[in-house]
C-alpha atoms as a PDB file:
ATOM      1  CA  MET A   1       0.937  88.403  37.725  1.00  0.00           C
ATOM      2  CA  ILE A   2      -0.020  86.257  40.708  1.00  0.00           C
ATOM      3  CA  VAL A   3      -2.176  87.934  43.358  1.00  0.00           C
ATOM      4  CA  LYS A   4      -3.760  86.018  46.211  1.00  0.00           C
ATOM      5  CA  GLU A   5      -7.535  85.781  46.079  1.00  0.00           C
ATOM      6  CA  GLU A   6      -7.739  86.828  49.730  1.00  0.00           C
ATOM      7  CA  PHE A   7      -5.904  90.060  48.881  1.00  0.00           C
ATOM      8  CA  LEU A   8      -8.291  90.730  45.992  1.00  0.00           C
ATOM      9  CA  SER A   9     -11.284  90.070  48.244  1.00  0.00           C
ATOM     10  CA  ASN A  10      -9.972  92.542  50.816  1.00  0.00           C
ATOM     11  CA  LEU A  11      -9.517  95.175  48.121  1.00  0.00           C
ATOM     12  CA  ARG A  12     -13.042  94.608  46.828  1.00  0.00           C
ATOM     13  CA  ARG A  13     -14.520  95.191  50.263  1.00  0.00           C
ATOM     14  CA  ALA A  14     -12.305  98.170  51.084  1.00  0.00           C
ATOM     15  CA  PHE A  15     -12.830 100.030  47.808  1.00  0.00           C
ATOM     16  CA  ASP A  16     -16.270  98.706  46.807  1.00  0.00           C
ATOM     17  CA  LEU A  17     -15.058  97.229  43.507  1.00  0.00           C
ATOM     18  CA  ASN A  18     -16.244  94.238  41.526  1.00  0.00           C
ATOM     19  CA  LEU A  19     -13.971  91.311  40.647  1.00  0.00           C
ATOM     20  CA  TYR A  20     -13.015  92.568  37.170  1.00  0.00           C
ATOM     21  CA  GLU A  21     -12.288  96.064  38.470  1.00  0.00           C
ATOM     22  CA  VAL A  22      -9.959  94.823  41.182  1.00  0.00           C
ATOM     23  CA  ARG A  23      -8.144  92.492  38.768  1.00  0.00           C
ATOM     24  CA  ILE A  24      -7.587  95.213  36.170  1.00  0.00           C
ATOM     25  CA  TRP A  25      -6.534  97.724  38.821  1.00  0.00           C
ATOM     26  CA  THR A  26      -3.957  95.453  40.453  1.00  0.00           C
ATOM     27  CA  ALA A  27      -2.679  94.455  37.012  1.00  0.00           C
ATOM     28  CA  LEU A  28      -2.164  98.127  36.126  1.00  0.00           C
ATOM     29  CA  LEU A  29      -0.494  98.840  39.479  1.00  0.00           C
ATOM     30  CA  SER A  30       2.002  96.055  38.714  1.00  0.00           C
ATOM     31  CA  ARG A  31       2.803  97.623  35.320  1.00  0.00           C
ATOM     32  CA  GLY A  32       2.425 101.350  36.008  1.00  0.00           C
ATOM     33  CA  ILE A  33       1.251 101.987  32.443  1.00  0.00           C
ATOM     34  CA  SER A  34      -0.370  99.548  30.026  1.00  0.00           C
ATOM     35  CA  THR A  35      -2.975  98.982  27.308  1.00  0.00           C
ATOM     36  CA  ALA A  36      -6.415  97.498  27.834  1.00  0.00           C
ATOM     37  CA  GLY A  37      -5.394  94.333  25.970  1.00  0.00           C
ATOM     38  CA  GLU A  38      -2.329  93.788  28.117  1.00  0.00           C
ATOM     39  CA  LEU A  39      -4.303  94.357  31.302  1.00  0.00           C
ATOM     40  CA  SER A  40      -6.949  91.924  30.108  1.00  0.00           C
ATOM     41  CA  ASP A  41      -4.337  89.199  29.710  1.00  0.00           C
ATOM     42  CA  ILE A  42      -2.528  89.951  32.972  1.00  0.00           C
ATOM     43  CA  GLY A  43      -5.700  90.246  35.043  1.00  0.00           C
ATOM     44  CA  ASN A  44      -7.520  87.355  33.395  1.00  0.00           C
ATOM     45  CA  VAL A  45     -10.435  89.571  32.378  1.00  0.00           C
ATOM     46  CA  PRO A  46     -12.319  89.073  29.077  1.00  0.00           C
ATOM     47  CA  ARG A  47     -11.136  91.596  26.462  1.00  0.00           C
ATOM     48  CA  SER A  48     -14.742  92.486  25.713  1.00  0.00           C
ATOM     49  CA  ARG A  49     -15.024  93.828  29.258  1.00  0.00           C
ATOM     50  CA  ALA A  50     -11.616  95.459  29.673  1.00  0.00           C
ATOM     51  CA  TYR A  51     -12.530  98.888  28.247  1.00  0.00           C
ATOM     52  CA  ASP A  52     -15.769  99.100  30.259  1.00  0.00           C
ATOM     53  CA  VAL A  53     -13.899  98.209  33.423  1.00  0.00           C
ATOM     54  CA  LEU A  54     -11.172 100.762  32.752  1.00  0.00           C
ATOM     55  CA  GLU A  55     -13.788 103.428  32.035  1.00  0.00           C
ATOM     56  CA  SER A  56     -15.389 102.657  35.392  1.00  0.00           C
ATOM     57  CA  LEU A  57     -12.022 102.846  37.174  1.00  0.00           C
ATOM     58  CA  GLU A  58     -11.288 106.122  35.421  1.00  0.00           C
ATOM     59  CA  LYS A  59     -14.547 107.653  36.651  1.00  0.00           C
ATOM     60  CA  LYS A  60     -13.715 106.540  40.198  1.00  0.00           C
ATOM     61  CA  GLY A  61     -10.263 108.130  39.985  1.00  0.00           C
ATOM     62  CA  PHE A  62      -8.229 104.920  40.109  1.00  0.00           C
ATOM     63  CA  VAL A  63      -6.628 105.290  36.669  1.00  0.00           C
ATOM     64  CA  VAL A  64      -5.800 108.000  34.125  1.00  0.00           C
ATOM     65  CA  MET A  65      -6.083 107.535  30.366  1.00  0.00           C
ATOM     66  CA  LYS A  66      -2.871 108.569  28.594  1.00  0.00           C
ATOM     67  CA  LEU A  67      -3.169 110.721  25.498  1.00  0.00           C
ATOM     68  CA  GLY A  68      -1.959 109.182  22.217  1.00  0.00           C
ATOM     69  CA  LYS A  69      -2.200 105.967  20.258  1.00  0.00           C
ATOM     70  CA  PRO A  70      -2.488 103.205  21.205  1.00  0.00           C
ATOM     71  CA  ILE A  71      -4.600 104.140  24.216  1.00  0.00           C
ATOM     72  CA  LYS A  72      -2.788 103.395  27.429  1.00  0.00           C
ATOM     73  CA  TYR A  73      -3.694 103.777  31.080  1.00  0.00           C
ATOM     74  CA  ILE A  74      -1.628 105.036  34.007  1.00  0.00           C
ATOM     75  CA  ALA A  75      -2.096 103.881  37.593  1.00  0.00           C
ATOM     76  CA  VAL A  76      -2.838 106.537  40.192  1.00  0.00           C
ATOM     77  CA  GLU A  77      -0.777 106.350  43.392  1.00  0.00           C
ATOM     78  CA  PRO A  78      -2.651 104.178  45.947  1.00  0.00           C
ATOM     79  CA  LYS A  79      -2.522 106.873  48.666  1.00  0.00           C
ATOM     80  CA  GLU A  80      -4.237 109.276  46.288  1.00  0.00           C
ATOM     81  CA  VAL A  81      -6.766 106.602  45.356  1.00  0.00           C
ATOM     82  CA  VAL A  82      -7.706 106.273  49.033  1.00  0.00           C
ATOM     83  CA  GLU A  83      -8.345 110.016  49.289  1.00  0.00           C
ATOM     84  CA  ARG A  84     -10.420 110.002  46.108  1.00  0.00           C
ATOM     85  CA  ALA A  85     -12.407 106.989  47.315  1.00  0.00           C
ATOM     86  CA  LYS A  86     -13.115 108.768  50.608  1.00  0.00           C
ATOM     87  CA  LYS A  87     -14.353 111.810  48.707  1.00  0.00           C
ATOM     88  CA  LEU A  88     -16.672 109.659  46.582  1.00  0.00           C
ATOM     89  CA  VAL A  89     -18.067 107.963  49.698  1.00  0.00           C
ATOM     90  CA  ARG A  90     -18.775 111.347  51.298  1.00  0.00           C
ATOM     91  CA  MET A  91     -20.440 112.656  48.155  1.00  0.00           C
ATOM     92  CA  GLY A  92     -22.528 109.509  47.808  1.00  0.00           C
ATOM     93  CA  ALA A  93     -23.534 109.622  51.467  1.00  0.00           C
ATOM     94  CA  ASP A  94     -24.484 113.310  51.232  1.00  0.00           C
ATOM     95  CA  ASP A  95     -26.585 112.654  48.119  1.00  0.00           C
ATOM     96  CA  ASN A  96     -28.343 109.712  49.777  1.00  0.00           C
ATOM     97  CA  LEU A  97     -29.027 111.729  52.933  1.00  0.00           C
ATOM     98  CA  LYS A  98     -30.553 114.531  50.856  1.00  0.00           C
ATOM     99  CA  LYS A  99     -32.779 112.026  49.052  1.00  0.00           C
ATOM    100  CA  LEU A 100     -33.934 110.463  52.313  1.00  0.00           C
ATOM    101  CA  ASP A 101     -34.474 113.836  54.007  1.00  0.00           C
ATOM    102  CA  GLY A 102     -36.486 114.889  50.971  1.00  0.00           C
ATOM    103  CA  LEU A 103     -38.980 112.086  51.662  1.00  0.00           C
ATOM    104  CA  LYS A 104     -40.219 113.725  54.872  1.00  0.00           C
ATOM    105  CA  GLY A 105     -43.800 114.857  54.496  1.00  0.00           C
ATOM    106  CA  THR A 106     -44.078 113.539  50.935  1.00  0.00           C
ATOM    107  CA  ALA A 107     -46.861 111.417  49.468  1.00  0.00           C
ATOM    108  CA  ILE A 108     -44.415 108.504  49.198  1.00  0.00           C
ATOM    109  CA  LEU A 109     -43.758 108.398  52.942  1.00  0.00           C
ATOM    110  CA  LYS A 110     -47.457 108.848  53.728  1.00  0.00           C
ATOM    111  CA  GLU A 111     -48.269 105.911  51.467  1.00  0.00           C
ATOM    112  CA  LEU A 112     -45.593 103.785  53.160  1.00  0.00           C
ATOM    113  CA  ASP A 113     -47.004 104.692  56.586  1.00  0.00           C
ATOM    114  CA  SER A 114     -50.481 103.777  55.398  1.00  0.00           C
ATOM    115  CA  LEU A 115     -49.271 100.386  54.165  1.00  0.00           C
ATOM    116  CA  HIS A 116     -47.483  99.731  57.462  1.00  0.00           C
ATOM    117  CA  LYS A 117     -50.514 100.651  59.580  1.00  0.00           C
ATOM    118  CA  THR A 118     -52.733  98.465  57.436  1.00  0.00           C
ATOM    119  CA  GLY A 119     -50.345  95.514  57.726  1.00  0.00           C
ATOM    120  CA  ILE A 120     -49.790  95.887  61.467  1.00  0.00           C
ATOM    121  CA  GLU A 121     -53.529  95.466  62.106  1.00  0.00           C
ATOM    122  CA  PHE A 122     -53.308  91.879  60.889  1.00  0.00           C
ATOM    123  CA  ILE A 123     -50.316  90.957  63.052  1.00  0.00           C
ATOM    124  CA  ASP A 124     -50.869  89.021  66.244  1.00  0.00           C
ATOM    125  CA  ALA A 125     -48.994  90.441  69.230  1.00  0.00           C
ATOM    126  CA  SER A 126     -47.056  87.180  69.552  1.00  0.00           C
ATOM    127  CA  ASP A 127     -45.686  87.704  66.028  1.00  0.00           C
ATOM    128  CA  LEU A 128     -44.048  91.026  66.938  1.00  0.00           C
ATOM    129  CA  SER A 129     -40.680  89.483  67.667  1.00  0.00           C
ATOM    130  CA  GLY A 130     -37.451  88.839  65.872  1.00  0.00           C
ATOM    131  CA  ALA A 131     -33.740  88.022  66.023  1.00  0.00           C
ATOM    132  CA  ILE A 132     -31.352  90.884  65.324  1.00  0.00           C
ATOM    133  CA  ARG A 133     -27.780  90.134  64.295  1.00  0.00           C
ATOM    134  CA  GLY A 134     -24.718  92.351  64.548  1.00  0.00           C
ATOM    135  CA  ARG A 135     -24.001  94.933  67.247  1.00  0.00           C
ATOM    136  CA  HIS A 136     -24.575  97.871  64.910  1.00  0.00           C
ATOM    137  CA  ASN A 137     -28.060  96.591  64.114  1.00  0.00           C
ATOM    138  CA  LEU A 138     -28.708  95.901  67.794  1.00  0.00           C
ATOM    139  CA  TYR A 139     -27.999  99.482  68.776  1.00  0.00           C
ATOM    140  CA  THR A 140     -29.949 100.858  65.846  1.00  0.00           C
ATOM    141  CA  HIS A 141     -32.988  98.868  67.001  1.00  0.00           C
ATOM    142  CA  LEU A 142     -32.401  99.830  70.645  1.00  0.00           C
ATOM    143  CA  GLU A 143     -32.444 103.487  69.652  1.00  0.00           C
ATOM    144  CA  THR A 144     -35.716 102.964  67.780  1.00  0.00           C
ATOM    145  CA  MET A 145     -37.242 101.280  70.841  1.00  0.00           C
ATOM    146  CA  ILE A 146     -36.088 104.001  73.202  1.00  0.00           C
ATOM    147  CA  LYS A 147     -37.478 106.746  70.977  1.00  0.00           C
ATOM    148  CA  ARG A 148     -40.959 105.349  71.616  1.00  0.00           C
ATOM    149  CA  ALA A 149     -40.605 105.441  75.426  1.00  0.00           C
ATOM    150  CA  GLU A 150     -43.269 107.414  77.265  1.00  0.00           C
ATOM    151  CA  LYS A 151     -42.924 106.196  80.876  1.00  0.00           C
ATOM    152  CA  ASN A 152     -39.713 104.326  81.584  1.00  0.00           C
ATOM    153  CA  VAL A 153     -36.573 102.740  80.184  1.00  0.00           C
ATOM    154  CA  THR A 154     -34.883  99.922  82.108  1.00  0.00           C
ATOM    155  CA  ILE A 155     -31.403  98.726  81.116  1.00  0.00           C
ATOM    156  CA  MET A 156     -29.145  96.027  82.508  1.00  0.00           C
ATOM    157  CA  THR A 157     -25.755  95.736  80.854  1.00  0.00           C
ATOM    158  CA  THR A 158     -22.036  95.040  81.256  1.00  0.00           C
ATOM    159  CA  ALA A 159     -19.264  97.546  81.952  1.00  0.00           C
ATOM    160  CA  LYS A 160     -18.309  97.594  78.277  1.00  0.00           C
ATOM    161  CA  GLY A 161     -21.971  97.776  77.334  1.00  0.00           C
ATOM    162  CA  LEU A 162     -22.394 100.868  79.493  1.00  0.00           C
ATOM    163  CA  VAL A 163     -19.531 102.576  77.665  1.00  0.00           C
ATOM    164  CA  ARG A 164     -21.096 101.694  74.303  1.00  0.00           C
ATOM    165  CA  LYS A 165     -24.466 103.076  75.371  1.00  0.00           C
ATOM    166  CA  VAL A 166     -22.945 106.465  76.145  1.00  0.00           C
ATOM    167  CA  ASP A 167     -21.673 106.640  72.571  1.00  0.00           C
ATOM    168  CA  ALA A 168     -24.796 105.262  70.899  1.00  0.00           C
ATOM    169  CA  LEU A 169     -27.777 106.245  73.048  1.00  0.00           C
ATOM    170  CA  LYS A 170     -26.880 109.239  75.235  1.00  0.00           C
ATOM    171  CA  PRO A 171     -28.520 111.936  73.015  1.00  0.00           C
ATOM    172  CA  GLU A 172     -31.803 110.011  72.894  1.00  0.00           C
ATOM    173  CA  LEU A 173     -31.698 109.244  76.629  1.00  0.00           C
ATOM    174  CA  GLU A 174     -31.111 112.937  77.343  1.00  0.00           C
ATOM    175  CA  ARG A 175     -34.172 113.818  75.259  1.00  0.00           C
ATOM    176  CA  LEU A 176     -36.274 111.306  77.193  1.00  0.00           C
ATOM    177  CA  ALA A 177     -35.022 112.558  80.556  1.00  0.00           C
ATOM    178  CA  LYS A 178     -36.147 116.072  79.648  1.00  0.00           C
ATOM    179  CA  LYS A 179     -39.600 114.654  78.886  1.00  0.00           C
ATOM    180  CA  GLY A 180     -39.752 113.089  82.334  1.00  0.00           C
ATOM    181  CA  VAL A 181     -39.209 109.484  81.256  1.00  0.00           C
ATOM    182  CA  LYS A 182     -37.731 107.448  84.137  1.00  0.00           C
ATOM    183  CA  ILE A 183     -34.409 105.870  83.174  1.00  0.00           C
ATOM    184  CA  ARG A 184     -32.775 103.167  85.304  1.00  0.00           C
ATOM    185  CA  ILE A 185     -29.499 101.424  84.481  1.00  0.00           C
ATOM    186  CA  ALA A 186     -27.865  98.520  86.292  1.00  0.00           C
ATOM    187  CA  ALA A 187     -24.258  97.759  85.348  1.00  0.00           C
ATOM    188  CA  PRO A 188     -20.882  96.936  86.907  1.00  0.00           C
ATOM    189  CA  VAL A 189     -19.063 100.141  87.887  1.00  0.00           C
ATOM    190  CA  THR A 190     -15.399  99.548  87.064  1.00  0.00           C
ATOM    191  CA  LYS A 191     -12.414 101.642  86.050  1.00  0.00           C
ATOM    192  CA  GLU A 192     -13.512 100.992  82.486  1.00  0.00           C
ATOM    193  CA  SER A 193     -17.071 102.237  83.003  1.00  0.00           C
ATOM    194  CA  VAL A 194     -16.720 104.961  85.657  1.00  0.00           C
ATOM    195  CA  SER A 195     -16.506 107.709  83.031  1.00  0.00           C
ATOM    196  CA  ALA A 196     -19.698 106.419  81.397  1.00  0.00           C
ATOM    197  CA  VAL A 197     -21.389 106.408  84.822  1.00  0.00           C
ATOM    198  CA  LYS A 198     -20.485 110.076  85.280  1.00  0.00           C
ATOM    199  CA  ASP A 199     -21.973 110.931  81.886  1.00  0.00           C
ATOM    200  CA  LEU A 200     -25.214 109.036  82.383  1.00  0.00           C
ATOM    201  CA  SER A 201     -25.792 109.732  86.096  1.00  0.00           C
ATOM    202  CA  LYS A 202     -27.040 113.201  85.166  1.00  0.00           C
ATOM    203  CA  ILE A 203     -29.974 111.737  83.267  1.00  0.00           C
ATOM    204  CA  ALA A 204     -30.436 108.247  84.744  1.00  0.00           C
ATOM    205  CA  GLU A 205     -30.455 106.427  88.057  1.00  0.00           C
ATOM    206  CA  ILE A 206     -27.531 104.008  88.015  1.00  0.00           C
ATOM    207  CA  ARG A 207     -26.767 101.162  90.386  1.00  0.00           C
ATOM    208  CA  ASN A 208     -23.728  98.952  90.582  1.00  0.00           C
ATOM    209  CA  ILE A 209     -24.151  95.210  89.995  1.00  0.00           C
ATOM    210  CA  ASN A 210     -21.482  92.555  90.365  1.00  0.00           C
ATOM    211  CA  LYS A 211     -23.175  89.181  90.660  1.00  0.00           C
ATOM    212  CA  ILE A 212     -25.728  89.466  87.853  1.00  0.00           C
ATOM    213  CA  ASN A 213     -24.430  89.225  84.285  1.00  0.00           C
ATOM    214  CA  ALA A 214     -27.158  90.128  81.802  1.00  0.00           C
ATOM    215  CA  ARG A 215     -27.822  92.415  78.847  1.00  0.00           C
ATOM    216  CA  PHE A 216     -31.348  93.643  78.171  1.00  0.00           C
ATOM    217  CA  CYS A 217     -33.532  96.710  77.767  1.00  0.00           C
ATOM    218  CA  VAL A 218     -37.228  97.087  78.621  1.00  0.00           C
ATOM    219  CA  VAL A 219     -39.280 100.065  77.413  1.00  0.00           C
ATOM    220  CA  ASP A 220     -42.554 101.039  79.101  1.00  0.00           C
ATOM    221  CA  ASP A 221     -42.891  97.467  80.480  1.00  0.00           C
ATOM    222  CA  ASN A 222     -44.194  96.570  77.059  1.00  0.00           C
ATOM    223  CA  GLU A 223     -41.311  96.132  74.611  1.00  0.00           C
ATOM    224  CA  MET A 224     -37.930  94.575  75.235  1.00  0.00           C
ATOM    225  CA  MET A 225     -34.702  93.282  73.764  1.00  0.00           C
ATOM    226  CA  PHE A 226     -32.273  90.871  75.391  1.00  0.00           C
ATOM    227  CA  MET A 227     -28.871  89.801  74.140  1.00  0.00           C
ATOM    228  CA  VAL A 228     -28.198  86.069  74.145  1.00  0.00           C
ATOM    229  CA  LYS A 229     -24.391  86.126  74.406  1.00  0.00           C
ATOM    230  CA  ASP A 230     -21.795  87.582  76.751  1.00  0.00           C
ATOM    231  CA  ASP A 231     -20.146  90.542  75.023  1.00  0.00           C
ATOM    232  CA  GLU A 232     -16.781  89.308  76.342  1.00  0.00           C
ATOM    233  CA  ASP A 233     -17.110  86.123  74.282  1.00  0.00           C
ATOM    234  CA  VAL A 234     -18.634  87.287  71.005  1.00  0.00           C
ATOM    235  CA  HIS A 235     -17.352  89.369  68.112  1.00  0.00           C
ATOM    236  CA  PRO A 236     -19.555  92.439  67.461  1.00  0.00           C
ATOM    237  CA  THR A 237     -20.469  91.071  64.027  1.00  0.00           C
ATOM    238  CA  TYR A 238     -21.943  87.912  65.577  1.00  0.00           C
ATOM    239  CA  ASP A 239     -23.694  89.500  68.537  1.00  0.00           C
ATOM    240  CA  ILE A 240     -27.372  88.494  68.636  1.00  0.00           C
ATOM    241  CA  GLY A 241     -30.399  90.052  70.303  1.00  0.00           C
ATOM    242  CA  VAL A 242     -34.009  88.898  70.574  1.00  0.00           C
ATOM    243  CA  TRP A 243     -36.668  91.612  70.314  1.00  0.00           C
ATOM    244  CA  VAL A 244     -40.207  91.060  71.540  1.00  0.00           C
ATOM    245  CA  ASN A 245     -43.146  93.423  71.731  1.00  0.00           C
ATOM    246  CA  THR A 246     -45.376  91.747  74.266  1.00  0.00           C
ATOM    247  CA  GLN A 247     -46.578  93.251  77.513  1.00  0.00           C
ATOM    248  CA  PHE A 248     -46.736  89.916  79.339  1.00  0.00           C
ATOM    249  CA  PHE A 249     -43.063  89.008  78.859  1.00  0.00           C
ATOM    250  CA  ALA A 250     -41.696  92.555  79.132  1.00  0.00           C
ATOM    251  CA  ASN A 251     -43.708  93.251  82.291  1.00  0.00           C
ATOM    252  CA  ALA A 252     -42.520  89.993  83.869  1.00  0.00           C
ATOM    253  CA  LEU A 253     -38.880  90.832  83.218  1.00  0.00           C
ATOM    254  CA  GLY A 254     -39.465  94.364  84.442  1.00  0.00           C
ATOM    255  CA  ASN A 255     -40.857  93.026  87.734  1.00  0.00           C
ATOM    256  CA  MET A 256     -37.836  90.754  88.188  1.00  0.00           C
ATOM    257  CA  PHE A 257     -35.582  93.725  87.553  1.00  0.00           C
ATOM    258  CA  ASN A 258     -37.467  95.700  90.207  1.00  0.00           C
ATOM    259  CA  LEU A 259     -36.796  92.971  92.788  1.00  0.00           C
ATOM    260  CA  ALA A 260     -33.110  92.821  91.859  1.00  0.00           C
ATOM    261  CA  TRP A 261     -32.949  96.632  91.917  1.00  0.00           C
ATOM    262  CA  LYS A 262     -34.098  96.654  95.531  1.00  0.00           C
ATOM    263  CA  ASP A 263     -31.936  93.769  96.650  1.00  0.00           C
ATOM    264  CA  MET A 264     -28.646  94.796  95.063  1.00  0.00           C
ATOM    265  CA  GLN A 265     -25.752  94.880  97.461  1.00  0.00           C
ATOM    266  CA  GLN A 266     -25.205  98.555  96.745  1.00  0.00           C
ATOM    267  CA  ALA A 267     -28.837  99.646  96.768  1.00  0.00           C
ATOM    268  CA  GLU A 268     -28.108 103.344  96.898  1.00  0.00           C
ATOM    269  CA  LYS A 269     -27.536 105.392  93.799  1.00  0.00           C
ATOM    270  CA  VAL A 270     -23.954 105.380  92.613  1.00  0.00           C
ATOM    271  CA  LYS A 271     -22.069 108.400  93.921  1.00  0.00           C
ATOM    272  CA  VAL A 272     -19.620 109.797  91.375  1.00  0.00           C
END
């Protein structure tokens, strides 16, 4: 059996399998029913590992052990495997969420907080910075920043960025607005983003920008993140942001935003 390595790699990522598991599984799919020894030879997996691998695949619902001697294995239909894999992912996620929720208020979390507070005392303000890679991680960190806001949140973004922020940050921005935190957003208002403007205009002051192309967020004129690439030119996986927690830099950028806010061609609030 000849299977391209790229195909095997894709299967490993999609189904969270190791190399031996994916080789044995594809070997069995090509045969329908087979013994561990045969699958070992076809999939180029050591015989000493074949039974362990098949046992693992059986537990995950990828194969069924046939009754009788010699022991043989039957391949489960791929569509059914997908459904079983989805169920396992849900179960695993639910179990992990319960474990993490169970940490709230425990001695473990208190000890972790104590360690963090102790360590943070030794950090110079200039060291509170970092590069964050991947758009998912960027928005996760943005949400964490915004949660800490007490006075204001300032955002400049693109039309596509505005749409993403509705999906990722709207609940947290709504919570802040109810607390009286001032939220200002500058972004191009286009056909693509007009729906997002309608959603956010209830909780934020939004102004249309056309000539400035930037992506950043400043919280309380003290903490900020700016993205270094145009989201039109970068794949989400390779998007990069720089986070800094320094009042001097964040306040300076906030002041420049204030000047641009006043001088924008459409200085009035967007009417939608």
